[in-house]
């Protein structure tokens, strides 16, 4: 045999070996490294999404790569209260809405509620009413704003303007609704649900709704137990009848961003990064110390919508004003370096945190958040996870007398964690952690209040406790707490809001500024946007590390 024949045979052998190697490499993803058994076998066994790449970007959101930054760092502390003392924090990667939630987005929510839970049905009468924004926030004792009262929420002229008049509770419930609608759409897209199932629900053809957590934990009870007739054709004869967390297609919850996430996203210090350092500081979400653009293309234009001075909400008409009397249409002003719009001005925004003047970075400097209330699914008498039925809807009466639904039919019934869940744990010991280490009786920071009758021990946060109850006829009775001994307005139901608004001076445009308001109150200058945690890798693409 000649040397050329030997070379040809060698090349053939290498080709076959290479092909075999590729085949083995390809099939190894579906072979268990623990047992050697086949994964995703048509005959059954362990089913898992071995082709998962990364979390898809949710509708309306942009990716925010996490990292370390200095939270706080207010440059103009005119009150000298050190309300946001600088602390070094680390934030995990997450997603955030590109813009504030707009009127048309919130109207879609209201339309869904009205279709699925008709307010003229006595069983549902408070669900829709409890979600309605308070349009009366536009009224002013010495101002004429009735056209805003009547038109701002629903008129198409304001469709892409940020929704206002929404309290913190309503904003959080919108995020829960959005989670279920997006995941419902994904299941339909991936063939787990029949086409147009979501429309059949709103048109009353199906007596039941979709809840992400209920579907994942008790899928047979989805849509009021009618799930068998709604399975998509692609999955009807498959081993994977229902999607699971292991399917990799269910998105995490939409939610309000934490204060730390919001401030990190607003600062967008990624735009000042040079290798492994940040170049200087940013006073606003954009670079520079001024609120007007210095670029030749739009020099002099305002970079945000805010109050420029007494009686000046936009500037001189016809010359480089900010283009808005009150709120402005989203995306009117340039985005920051993360691609987020209106992180300063337009409307201030609710965040998830319970307000406290001091950020306790000694307790935690990773994904800092005050407001955790740990819950778990309720178990019924048959030992199964309980689903809320039409007759078991629970309502909360807020301090201002407004009634909101705590849960909706079809959702998992939730209860606080108890001693069985916290026994011998070191990371948490109770369900409600809103006042952890903040001066409550369970902490070490108690102080003494001095009254005329001597010294009396009190707590750091002694806010008024207004009472609301129902009399024998069912009418709501409201009673103000008029005690002169109250020391603060802060309690566990007071939430942080961030960012300046159309009513605020430039002082409040600094992302580090923070204010608070009871979670049941709404205004004409506070809106919100949603966030979502990222699962998996920190970055979408691994960037080449700079040399030391």
Protein backbone atom coordinates (compact mmCIF):
# COMPACT_ATOMS: atom_id res chain seq x y z
CA UNK A 1 0.00 0.00 0.00
CA UNK A 2 1.42 3.39 -1.01
CA UNK A 3 2.05 6.25 1.35
CA UNK A 4 -0.73 8.28 -0.27
CA UNK A 5 -3.22 5.46 0.37
CA UNK A 6 -2.14 5.35 4.00
CA UNK A 7 -2.73 9.11 4.28
CA UNK A 8 -6.21 8.77 2.79
CA UNK A 9 -7.10 5.95 5.19
CA UNK A 10 -5.78 8.00 8.09
CA UNK A 11 -7.91 10.99 7.08
CA UNK A 12 -10.98 8.77 6.78
CA UNK A 13 -10.31 7.30 10.22
CA UNK A 14 -9.93 10.78 11.73
CA UNK A 15 -13.13 11.95 10.05
CA UNK A 16 -15.10 8.97 11.41
CA UNK A 17 -13.59 9.48 14.86
CA UNK A 18 -14.38 13.18 14.75
CA UNK A 19 -17.97 12.49 13.69
CA UNK A 20 -18.38 9.88 16.42
CA UNK A 21 -16.93 12.28 18.96
CA UNK A 22 -19.35 15.02 17.95
CA UNK A 23 -22.24 12.61 18.18
CA UNK A 24 -21.23 11.51 21.66
CA UNK A 25 -20.75 15.14 22.69
CA UNK A 26 -24.20 16.03 21.38
CA UNK A 27 -25.92 13.12 23.10
CA UNK A 28 -24.08 13.70 26.38
CA UNK A 29 -26.44 16.59 27.19
CA UNK A 30 -29.27 14.08 27.38
CA UNK A 31 -27.34 11.52 29.41
CA UNK A 32 -27.25 11.83 33.17
CA UNK A 33 -23.79 12.31 34.65
CA UNK A 34 -25.19 10.96 37.91
CA UNK A 35 -26.71 7.66 36.72
CA UNK A 36 -25.95 7.29 33.01
CA UNK A 37 -29.70 7.14 32.32
CA UNK A 38 -31.18 8.98 29.36
CA UNK A 39 -32.74 12.38 30.07
CA UNK A 40 -35.85 13.47 28.12
CA UNK A 41 -36.57 9.94 26.94
CA UNK A 42 -39.81 9.48 25.02
CA UNK A 43 -40.49 6.47 27.20
CA UNK A 44 -40.55 8.70 30.29
CA UNK A 45 -38.09 9.21 33.10
CA UNK A 46 -36.45 12.50 34.08
CA UNK A 47 -37.50 15.40 31.88
CA UNK A 48 -35.35 18.55 31.80
CA UNK A 49 -34.59 21.43 29.44
CA UNK A 50 -31.02 20.52 28.53
CA UNK A 51 -31.00 23.03 25.65
CA UNK A 52 -31.61 26.09 27.85
CA UNK A 53 -29.40 29.01 26.84
CA UNK A 54 -30.43 31.99 29.00
CA UNK A 55 -33.47 33.81 30.28
CA UNK A 56 -35.35 35.65 27.57
CA UNK A 57 -35.77 39.40 27.95
CA UNK A 58 -39.31 40.01 29.25
CA UNK A 59 -41.75 42.22 27.31
CA UNK A 60 -41.11 45.92 27.83
CA UNK A 61 -37.87 45.45 29.76
CA UNK A 62 -34.13 45.95 29.33
CA UNK A 63 -31.27 43.99 30.88
CA UNK A 64 -29.35 45.59 33.76
CA UNK A 65 -26.04 43.87 34.50
CA UNK A 66 -25.39 43.94 38.23
CA UNK A 67 -22.29 45.01 40.08
CA UNK A 68 -21.01 47.08 42.96
CA UNK A 69 -21.75 50.77 43.53
CA UNK A 70 -22.07 53.38 46.24
CA UNK A 71 -25.69 53.70 47.31
CA UNK A 72 -26.58 57.10 48.74
CA UNK A 73 -23.89 59.70 48.17
CA UNK A 74 -26.26 62.65 47.97
CA UNK A 75 -24.22 65.66 46.88
CA UNK A 76 -26.70 68.32 48.03
CA UNK A 77 -27.90 67.49 51.54
CA UNK A 78 -29.68 70.76 52.29
CA UNK A 79 -31.63 69.24 55.18
CA UNK A 80 -28.47 67.84 56.81
CA UNK A 81 -30.38 64.74 57.87
CA UNK A 82 -28.09 62.15 56.22
CA UNK A 83 -31.17 60.32 55.06
CA UNK A 84 -29.17 58.26 52.58
CA UNK A 85 -25.71 57.78 54.05
CA UNK A 86 -23.29 56.41 51.44
CA UNK A 87 -22.89 52.63 51.61
CA UNK A 88 -21.11 50.19 49.30
CA UNK A 89 -23.64 47.71 47.90
CA UNK A 90 -23.69 44.87 45.38
CA UNK A 91 -26.66 44.27 43.10
CA UNK A 92 -27.43 41.09 41.18
CA UNK A 93 -28.30 41.40 37.50
CA UNK A 94 -31.97 42.06 36.80
CA UNK A 95 -34.39 43.44 34.24
CA UNK A 96 -36.28 46.73 34.48
CA UNK A 97 -39.06 48.38 32.49
CA UNK A 98 -37.74 50.64 29.76
CA UNK A 99 -40.31 53.28 30.75
CA UNK A 100 -42.77 53.92 33.53
CA UNK A 101 -45.99 51.92 33.35
CA UNK A 102 -48.25 53.98 31.08
CA UNK A 103 -51.96 54.70 31.14
CA UNK A 104 -52.64 52.30 28.26
CA UNK A 105 -50.72 49.51 30.02
CA UNK A 106 -52.75 50.02 33.18
CA UNK A 107 -56.01 50.25 31.22
CA UNK A 108 -55.28 46.81 29.77
CA UNK A 109 -55.10 45.55 33.36
CA UNK A 110 -58.40 47.21 34.26
CA UNK A 111 -60.07 45.84 31.13
CA UNK A 112 -58.96 42.30 32.01
CA UNK A 113 -60.26 42.61 35.57
CA UNK A 114 -63.59 43.99 34.40
CA UNK A 115 -64.00 41.17 31.87
CA UNK A 116 -63.01 38.30 34.16
CA UNK A 117 -64.45 39.65 37.43
CA UNK A 118 -67.48 41.77 36.44
CA UNK A 119 -68.01 44.49 39.07
CA UNK A 120 -71.79 44.06 38.84
CA UNK A 121 -71.37 40.54 40.27
CA UNK A 122 -71.68 40.81 44.08
CA UNK A 123 -68.92 38.23 44.51
CA UNK A 124 -66.45 40.44 42.64
CA UNK A 125 -67.71 43.98 43.20
CA UNK A 126 -64.60 45.20 45.06
CA UNK A 127 -61.93 43.68 42.78
CA UNK A 128 -62.28 46.16 39.91
CA UNK A 129 -63.04 49.13 42.16
CA UNK A 130 -60.00 48.40 44.28
CA UNK A 131 -57.69 48.54 41.24
CA UNK A 132 -58.95 51.87 39.86
CA UNK A 133 -56.46 54.75 40.07
CA UNK A 134 -57.55 57.75 42.11
CA UNK A 135 -58.21 60.35 39.42
CA UNK A 136 -59.13 62.96 42.04
CA UNK A 137 -55.42 63.40 42.82
CA UNK A 138 -55.41 66.07 40.09
CA UNK A 139 -57.68 68.38 42.06
CA UNK A 140 -56.23 71.44 43.77
CA UNK A 141 -58.05 73.78 46.14
CA UNK A 142 -56.81 76.82 44.23
CA UNK A 143 -56.29 75.36 40.77
CA UNK A 144 -58.43 74.24 37.84
CA UNK A 145 -57.56 70.69 36.76
CA UNK A 146 -60.94 69.08 36.15
CA UNK A 147 -60.03 68.16 32.58
CA UNK A 148 -57.16 66.10 33.97
CA UNK A 149 -59.54 64.41 36.42
CA UNK A 150 -61.83 63.40 33.56
CA UNK A 151 -59.34 62.63 30.80
CA UNK A 152 -55.82 61.82 31.97
CA UNK A 153 -56.32 58.11 32.61
CA UNK A 154 -58.53 57.11 29.68
CA UNK A 155 -58.20 59.62 26.82
CA UNK A 156 -55.97 58.37 23.94
CA UNK A 157 -54.12 61.69 24.04
CA UNK A 158 -52.53 60.48 27.31
CA UNK A 159 -52.16 56.80 26.36
CA UNK A 160 -48.35 56.80 26.49
CA UNK A 161 -48.09 59.03 29.55
CA UNK A 162 -47.15 57.49 32.93
CA UNK A 163 -50.08 56.34 35.03
CA UNK A 164 -50.54 58.24 38.31
CA UNK A 165 -53.04 58.06 41.15
CA UNK A 166 -51.88 54.51 41.85
CA UNK A 167 -50.90 53.65 45.40
CA UNK A 168 -48.14 51.21 46.32
CA UNK A 169 -50.53 48.31 46.93
CA UNK A 170 -52.15 48.73 43.52
CA UNK A 171 -48.75 48.93 41.81
CA UNK A 172 -47.64 45.67 43.46
CA UNK A 173 -50.87 43.95 42.40
CA UNK A 174 -50.44 45.13 38.80
CA UNK A 175 -47.03 43.45 38.78
CA UNK A 176 -48.58 40.18 40.01
CA UNK A 177 -51.23 40.32 37.28
CA UNK A 178 -48.58 41.03 34.65
CA UNK A 179 -46.58 37.98 35.71
CA UNK A 180 -49.52 35.68 35.07
CA UNK A 181 -50.48 37.21 31.74
CA UNK A 182 -46.94 37.04 30.33
CA UNK A 183 -46.42 33.43 31.43
CA UNK A 184 -49.85 32.49 30.11
CA UNK A 185 -48.83 33.89 26.73
CA UNK A 186 -45.50 32.00 26.81
CA UNK A 187 -47.26 28.69 27.53
CA UNK A 188 -49.56 29.31 24.59
CA UNK A 189 -46.61 30.23 22.37
CA UNK A 190 -44.71 27.06 23.35
CA UNK A 191 -47.71 24.80 22.75
CA UNK A 192 -48.58 23.95 26.36
CA UNK A 193 -51.90 25.79 26.02
CA UNK A 194 -54.30 25.87 23.10
CA UNK A 195 -54.25 28.98 20.92
CA UNK A 196 -56.32 31.95 22.08
CA UNK A 197 -56.92 30.45 25.51
CA UNK A 198 -56.29 33.89 27.06
CA UNK A 199 -59.10 35.39 25.00
CA UNK A 200 -61.50 32.60 25.91
CA UNK A 201 -61.03 33.56 29.57
CA UNK A 202 -61.77 37.27 29.10
CA UNK A 203 -64.80 36.48 26.92
CA UNK A 204 -66.29 34.28 29.62
CA UNK A 205 -65.96 31.02 27.66
CA UNK A 206 -63.87 29.50 30.48
CA UNK A 207 -64.86 29.65 34.13
CA UNK A 208 -61.45 30.05 35.68
CA UNK A 209 -58.22 32.01 35.46
CA UNK A 210 -54.52 31.32 35.13
CA UNK A 211 -52.06 31.81 37.98
CA UNK A 212 -48.38 31.03 37.46
CA UNK A 213 -47.76 29.60 40.93
CA UNK A 214 -51.00 27.63 40.95
CA UNK A 215 -50.18 26.18 37.52
CA UNK A 216 -46.68 25.14 38.60
CA UNK A 217 -47.86 23.54 41.84
CA UNK A 218 -51.32 22.21 40.92
CA UNK A 219 -51.63 22.39 37.13
CA UNK A 220 -54.70 20.17 37.05
CA UNK A 221 -56.60 22.96 38.83
CA UNK A 222 -55.68 25.71 36.33
CA UNK A 223 -58.60 27.47 34.69
CA UNK A 224 -60.99 26.18 37.31
CA UNK A 225 -60.04 22.55 36.64
CA UNK A 226 -60.64 22.86 32.88
CA UNK A 227 -56.99 22.54 31.89
CA UNK A 228 -57.44 19.16 30.14
CA UNK A 229 -59.53 20.75 27.40
CA UNK A 230 -57.04 23.60 26.94
CA UNK A 231 -53.78 21.75 26.39
CA UNK A 232 -51.92 22.68 23.22
CA UNK A 233 -51.74 20.18 20.39
CA UNK A 234 -47.95 20.07 20.57
CA UNK A 235 -48.02 18.80 24.16
CA UNK A 236 -51.23 16.78 24.28
CA UNK A 237 -49.55 13.49 23.38
CA UNK A 238 -46.18 14.35 24.90
CA UNK A 239 -44.51 13.25 28.14
CA UNK A 240 -44.32 16.96 29.11
CA UNK A 241 -48.05 17.57 29.45
CA UNK A 242 -47.51 20.56 31.74
CA UNK A 243 -44.65 23.04 31.84
CA UNK A 244 -42.55 23.01 35.00
CA UNK A 245 -39.73 25.12 36.38
CA UNK A 246 -37.39 22.57 34.82
CA UNK A 247 -38.87 23.48 31.43
CA UNK A 248 -36.99 26.78 31.63
CA UNK A 249 -39.68 28.84 29.91
CA UNK A 250 -41.55 30.22 32.95
CA UNK A 251 -40.34 33.73 33.72
CA UNK A 252 -39.72 34.94 37.29
CA UNK A 253 -42.18 37.39 38.85
CA UNK A 254 -42.69 40.93 37.70
CA UNK A 255 -42.39 43.07 40.83
CA UNK A 256 -41.53 46.55 42.03
CA UNK A 257 -37.78 47.17 42.01
CA UNK A 258 -35.98 47.41 45.31
CA UNK A 259 -34.63 50.83 46.21
CA UNK A 260 -31.08 49.59 45.66
CA UNK A 261 -31.93 48.23 42.20
CA UNK A 262 -33.73 51.41 41.23
CA UNK A 263 -30.88 53.68 42.33
CA UNK A 264 -28.26 51.50 40.63
CA UNK A 265 -30.27 51.47 37.38
CA UNK A 266 -30.91 55.23 37.53
CA UNK A 267 -27.26 56.12 38.10
CA UNK A 268 -26.16 53.95 35.17
CA UNK A 269 -22.55 54.36 36.20
CA UNK A 270 -21.69 51.77 33.56
CA UNK A 271 -21.36 54.79 31.28
CA UNK A 272 -18.44 56.11 33.31
CA UNK A 273 -16.59 52.79 33.63
CA UNK A 274 -13.03 52.60 32.39
CA UNK A 275 -11.53 49.13 32.77
CA UNK A 276 -12.12 48.24 36.41
CA UNK A 277 -12.81 51.75 37.68
CA UNK A 278 -15.49 54.41 37.51
CA UNK A 279 -14.41 57.81 36.17
CA UNK A 280 -15.75 60.43 38.54
CA UNK A 281 -19.31 60.73 39.83
CA UNK A 282 -22.70 61.34 38.29
CA UNK A 283 -25.10 63.78 39.87
CA UNK A 284 -27.95 62.81 37.51
CA UNK A 285 -28.76 59.76 35.36
CA UNK A 286 -26.85 61.55 32.59
CA UNK A 287 -23.27 62.82 32.62
CA UNK A 288 -22.49 66.36 33.67
CA UNK A 289 -23.60 68.76 36.37
CA UNK A 290 -26.40 70.46 34.41
CA UNK A 291 -29.98 69.65 33.42
CA UNK A 292 -29.64 70.97 29.87
CA UNK A 293 -27.91 69.20 26.99
CA UNK A 294 -24.47 70.38 25.94
CA UNK A 295 -24.46 68.44 22.68
CA UNK A 296 -24.41 70.46 19.48
CA UNK A 297 -27.40 68.63 18.01
CA UNK A 298 -29.79 69.62 20.82
CA UNK A 299 -27.80 72.10 22.86
CA UNK A 300 -29.82 73.80 25.57
CA UNK A 301 -32.65 71.25 25.59
CA UNK A 302 -33.83 70.07 28.97
CA UNK A 303 -32.88 66.45 29.73
CA UNK A 304 -35.82 65.82 32.07
CA UNK A 305 -39.29 67.06 32.97
CA UNK A 306 -39.21 68.91 36.30
CA UNK A 307 -40.19 72.18 37.97
CA UNK A 308 -37.60 74.79 37.07
CA UNK A 309 -38.70 77.46 39.51
CA UNK A 310 -41.66 79.06 41.22
CA UNK A 311 -44.52 79.08 38.74
CA UNK A 312 -42.23 77.59 36.08
CA UNK A 313 -43.12 73.99 35.18
CA UNK A 314 -41.69 73.95 31.66
CA UNK A 315 -39.92 77.12 30.67
CA UNK A 316 -40.77 79.85 28.18
CA UNK A 317 -43.17 78.62 25.52
CA UNK A 318 -41.61 78.15 22.12
CA UNK A 319 -37.98 78.20 23.23
CA UNK A 320 -36.18 75.20 24.63
CA UNK A 321 -38.71 74.42 27.32
CA UNK A 322 -39.05 70.87 28.62
CA UNK A 323 -42.10 70.21 26.44
CA UNK A 324 -44.53 69.41 29.23
CA UNK A 325 -46.88 71.22 31.59
CA UNK A 326 -47.48 68.20 33.82
CA UNK A 327 -46.26 64.71 32.90
CA UNK A 328 -44.77 64.05 29.48
CA UNK A 329 -45.13 61.17 27.04
CA UNK A 330 -42.61 58.43 27.81
CA UNK A 331 -39.42 58.44 25.71
CA UNK A 332 -39.63 62.20 25.26
CA UNK A 333 -36.17 62.64 26.77
CA UNK A 334 -32.96 60.69 26.06
CA UNK A 335 -32.40 57.40 27.96
CA UNK A 336 -29.55 56.83 30.37
CA UNK A 337 -26.63 54.49 29.67
CA UNK A 338 -28.72 51.42 30.53
CA UNK A 339 -31.37 52.44 28.00
CA UNK A 340 -33.91 53.47 30.67
CA UNK A 341 -36.13 56.50 30.15
CA UNK A 342 -37.29 59.07 32.72
CA UNK A 343 -35.20 57.85 35.64
CA UNK A 344 -35.22 61.53 36.62
CA UNK A 345 -38.27 63.73 36.23
CA UNK A 346 -41.70 63.08 34.71
CA UNK A 347 -43.04 61.10 37.69
CA UNK A 348 -41.40 59.87 40.86
CA UNK A 349 -41.66 56.08 41.26
CA UNK A 350 -42.68 53.61 43.94
CA UNK A 351 -40.07 51.06 44.94
CA UNK A 352 -40.57 47.92 47.01
CA UNK A 353 -38.82 48.98 50.24
CA UNK A 354 -40.34 49.91 53.58
CA UNK A 355 -38.83 53.27 54.53
CA UNK A 356 -36.25 53.69 57.27
CA UNK A 357 -33.87 56.68 57.52
CA UNK A 358 -30.82 54.46 57.96
CA UNK A 359 -29.69 51.75 55.54
CA UNK A 360 -28.36 48.94 57.74
CA UNK A 361 -25.40 47.86 55.61
CA UNK A 362 -23.83 46.21 58.66
CA UNK A 363 -26.54 43.57 58.43
CA UNK A 364 -26.38 43.14 54.66
CA UNK A 365 -24.59 44.63 51.65
CA UNK A 366 -25.88 42.23 48.95
CA UNK A 367 -29.23 42.88 47.21
CA UNK A 368 -30.24 45.11 50.12
CA UNK A 369 -34.00 45.26 50.68
CA UNK A 370 -36.21 46.06 53.68
CA UNK A 371 -39.70 44.63 53.39
CA UNK A 372 -39.45 40.83 53.37
CA UNK A 373 -42.59 38.98 54.49
CA UNK A 374 -42.05 35.27 53.98
CA UNK A 375 -45.14 33.27 53.04
CA UNK A 376 -45.86 29.66 52.11
CA UNK A 377 -48.75 27.87 50.36
CA UNK A 378 -51.68 26.85 52.53
CA UNK A 379 -52.51 23.14 52.75
CA UNK A 380 -56.13 21.98 52.54
CA UNK A 381 -57.76 19.15 54.47
CA UNK A 382 -56.72 16.65 51.80
CA UNK A 383 -53.06 17.58 52.19
CA UNK A 384 -52.92 19.43 48.87
CA UNK A 385 -51.98 23.01 48.15
CA UNK A 386 -55.06 25.17 48.49
CA UNK A 387 -56.41 27.20 45.57
CA UNK A 388 -58.46 30.32 46.31
CA UNK A 389 -62.07 29.81 45.28
CA UNK A 390 -64.70 32.40 44.39
CA UNK A 391 -66.14 32.26 47.91
CA UNK A 392 -62.76 32.61 49.63
CA UNK A 393 -61.53 35.94 48.26
CA UNK A 394 -60.06 38.03 51.07
CA UNK A 395 -60.11 41.80 51.06
CA UNK A 396 -58.01 44.35 52.91
CA UNK A 397 -59.46 47.65 54.03
CA UNK A 398 -56.69 50.21 53.74
CA UNK A 399 -56.24 53.00 56.26
CA UNK A 400 -58.02 55.47 53.97
CA UNK A 401 -61.08 53.21 53.67
CA UNK A 402 -60.27 51.83 50.24
CA UNK A 403 -60.99 48.12 49.79
CA UNK A 404 -58.58 45.99 47.72
CA UNK A 405 -58.57 42.27 47.02
CA UNK A 406 -55.73 40.42 48.74
CA UNK A 407 -55.91 37.51 46.32
CA UNK A 408 -57.93 36.41 43.30
CA UNK A 409 -59.75 33.16 42.48
CA UNK A 410 -57.39 30.60 40.99
CA UNK A 411 -54.33 31.77 42.93
CA UNK A 412 -52.51 29.77 45.58
CA UNK A 413 -53.72 30.55 49.08
CA UNK A 414 -50.75 31.78 51.09
CA UNK A 415 -50.08 31.88 54.85
CA UNK A 416 -47.11 33.23 56.87
CA UNK A 417 -44.24 30.87 57.61
CA UNK A 418 -44.32 29.53 61.16
CA UNK A 419 -42.01 28.01 63.78
CA UNK A 420 -41.77 24.76 61.83
CA UNK A 421 -40.14 26.67 59.00
CA UNK A 422 -37.84 28.81 61.17
CA UNK A 423 -36.73 26.22 63.75
CA UNK A 424 -32.90 26.18 64.12
CA UNK A 425 -32.45 28.56 61.21
CA UNK A 426 -29.82 31.27 61.37
CA UNK A 427 -30.83 33.35 58.34
CA UNK A 428 -34.39 34.27 59.39
CA UNK A 429 -36.57 33.63 62.44
CA UNK A 430 -40.03 35.00 61.58
CA UNK A 431 -42.36 35.78 58.70
CA UNK A 432 -42.50 39.59 58.90
CA UNK A 433 -39.05 41.20 58.72
CA UNK A 434 -40.02 44.76 57.86
CA UNK A 435 -38.80 46.19 61.17
CA UNK A 436 -35.72 44.00 61.60
CA UNK A 437 -32.97 45.83 63.59
CA UNK A 438 -34.64 49.22 63.33
CA UNK A 439 -35.46 50.08 66.95
CA UNK A 440 -38.52 47.90 67.46
CA UNK A 441 -38.96 46.14 70.85
CA UNK A 442 -37.24 43.04 69.53
CA UNK A 443 -34.02 44.92 68.75
CA UNK A 444 -31.39 46.61 70.90
CA UNK A 445 -32.03 50.18 69.85
CA UNK A 446 -34.88 51.13 72.18
CA UNK A 447 -34.82 54.66 73.52
CA UNK A 448 -36.67 56.53 76.26
CA UNK A 449 -39.37 59.12 75.74
CA UNK A 450 -39.74 61.73 78.51
CA UNK A 451 -43.25 62.86 79.40
CA UNK A 452 -44.65 65.11 82.12
CA UNK A 453 -45.43 62.13 84.34
CA UNK A 454 -41.85 60.86 84.20
CA UNK A 455 -39.73 58.71 81.96
CA UNK A 456 -41.41 56.10 79.80
CA UNK A 457 -39.81 53.55 77.53
CA UNK A 458 -40.92 53.76 73.93
CA UNK A 459 -39.84 52.66 70.50
CA UNK A 460 -37.98 54.46 67.76
CA UNK A 461 -40.93 54.52 65.33
CA UNK A 462 -44.14 55.49 67.10
CA UNK A 463 -46.37 56.55 64.20
CA UNK A 464 -50.06 57.54 64.47
CA UNK A 465 -52.43 54.60 64.42
CA UNK A 466 -55.59 55.68 62.65
CA UNK A 467 -58.47 53.23 63.06
CA UNK A 468 -60.97 52.04 60.53
CA UNK A 469 -63.83 49.65 61.23
CA UNK A 470 -67.38 48.78 60.27
CA UNK A 471 -70.43 49.51 62.42
CA UNK A 472 -73.47 47.29 62.85
CA UNK A 473 -74.91 48.44 59.51
CA UNK A 474 -71.71 47.69 57.63
CA UNK A 475 -70.80 51.34 57.12
CA UNK A 476 -67.12 52.27 57.34
CA UNK A 477 -66.15 54.23 60.46
CA UNK A 478 -62.90 56.23 60.32
CA UNK A 479 -61.18 57.53 63.44
CA UNK A 480 -58.09 59.74 63.46
CA UNK A 481 -55.32 59.14 65.98
CA UNK A 482 -54.99 62.61 67.55
CA UNK A 483 -52.47 61.69 70.22
CA UNK A 484 -49.80 64.31 70.88
CA UNK A 485 -47.34 61.65 72.01
CA UNK A 486 -46.58 60.32 68.53
CA UNK A 487 -42.96 60.79 67.54
CA UNK A 488 -42.86 60.03 63.80
CA UNK A 489 -44.86 59.31 60.66
CA UNK A 490 -42.81 56.19 59.94
CA UNK A 491 -44.28 52.72 60.33
CA UNK A 492 -44.14 49.35 58.57
CA UNK A 493 -46.62 50.47 55.88
CA UNK A 494 -44.64 53.49 54.70
CA UNK A 495 -42.85 52.92 51.39
CA UNK A 496 -39.97 54.60 49.60
CA UNK A 497 -40.42 56.49 46.36
CA UNK A 498 -37.52 57.66 44.23
CA UNK A 499 -36.70 60.18 41.54
CA UNK A 500 -37.88 63.71 40.91
CA UNK A 501 -41.19 64.45 39.21
CA UNK A 502 -42.82 67.18 37.15
CA UNK A 503 -43.71 68.86 40.46
CA UNK A 504 -40.15 68.74 41.87
CA UNK A 505 -37.12 71.00 41.62
CA UNK A 506 -33.83 69.69 40.20
CA UNK A 507 -32.67 68.86 43.74
CA UNK A 508 -34.78 65.69 43.67
CA UNK A 509 -33.44 64.45 40.31
CA UNK A 510 -30.38 62.96 42.03
CA UNK A 511 -30.97 59.16 42.00
CA UNK A 512 -29.76 58.94 45.61
CA UNK A 513 -32.57 61.15 46.93
CA UNK A 514 -35.35 59.28 48.72
CA UNK A 515 -38.73 60.11 50.19
CA UNK A 516 -41.58 58.16 51.70
CA UNK A 517 -45.36 57.96 51.72
CA UNK A 518 -47.91 55.56 53.27
CA UNK A 519 -48.49 52.67 50.91
CA UNK A 520 -52.23 53.35 50.68
CA UNK A 521 -51.82 56.95 49.42
CA UNK A 522 -51.68 58.11 45.79
CA UNK A 523 -50.65 61.38 44.17
CA UNK A 524 -50.54 63.07 40.77
CA UNK A 525 -46.74 62.86 40.67
CA UNK A 526 -45.93 59.25 41.67
CA UNK A 527 -46.03 56.38 39.20
CA UNK A 528 -44.05 53.15 38.96
CA UNK A 529 -42.21 50.69 36.76
CA UNK A 530 -41.61 46.96 37.20
CA UNK A 531 -38.46 44.88 37.61
CA UNK A 532 -37.67 41.18 37.29
CA UNK A 533 -34.80 39.13 38.70
CA UNK A 534 -32.39 37.45 36.30
CA UNK A 535 -31.79 33.75 36.75
CA UNK A 536 -28.52 32.19 35.67
CA UNK A 537 -25.48 34.05 34.44
CA UNK A 538 -24.60 37.55 35.61
CA UNK A 539 -23.89 38.81 32.10
CA UNK A 540 -25.51 38.13 28.76
CA UNK A 541 -22.11 37.92 27.09
CA UNK A 542 -18.83 37.38 28.82
CA UNK A 543 -16.65 40.39 28.14
CA UNK A 544 -12.91 40.06 27.89
CA UNK A 545 -11.38 40.87 31.27
CA UNK A 546 -8.93 43.74 31.38
CA UNK A 547 -5.38 42.82 32.29
CA UNK A 548 -4.19 43.71 35.76
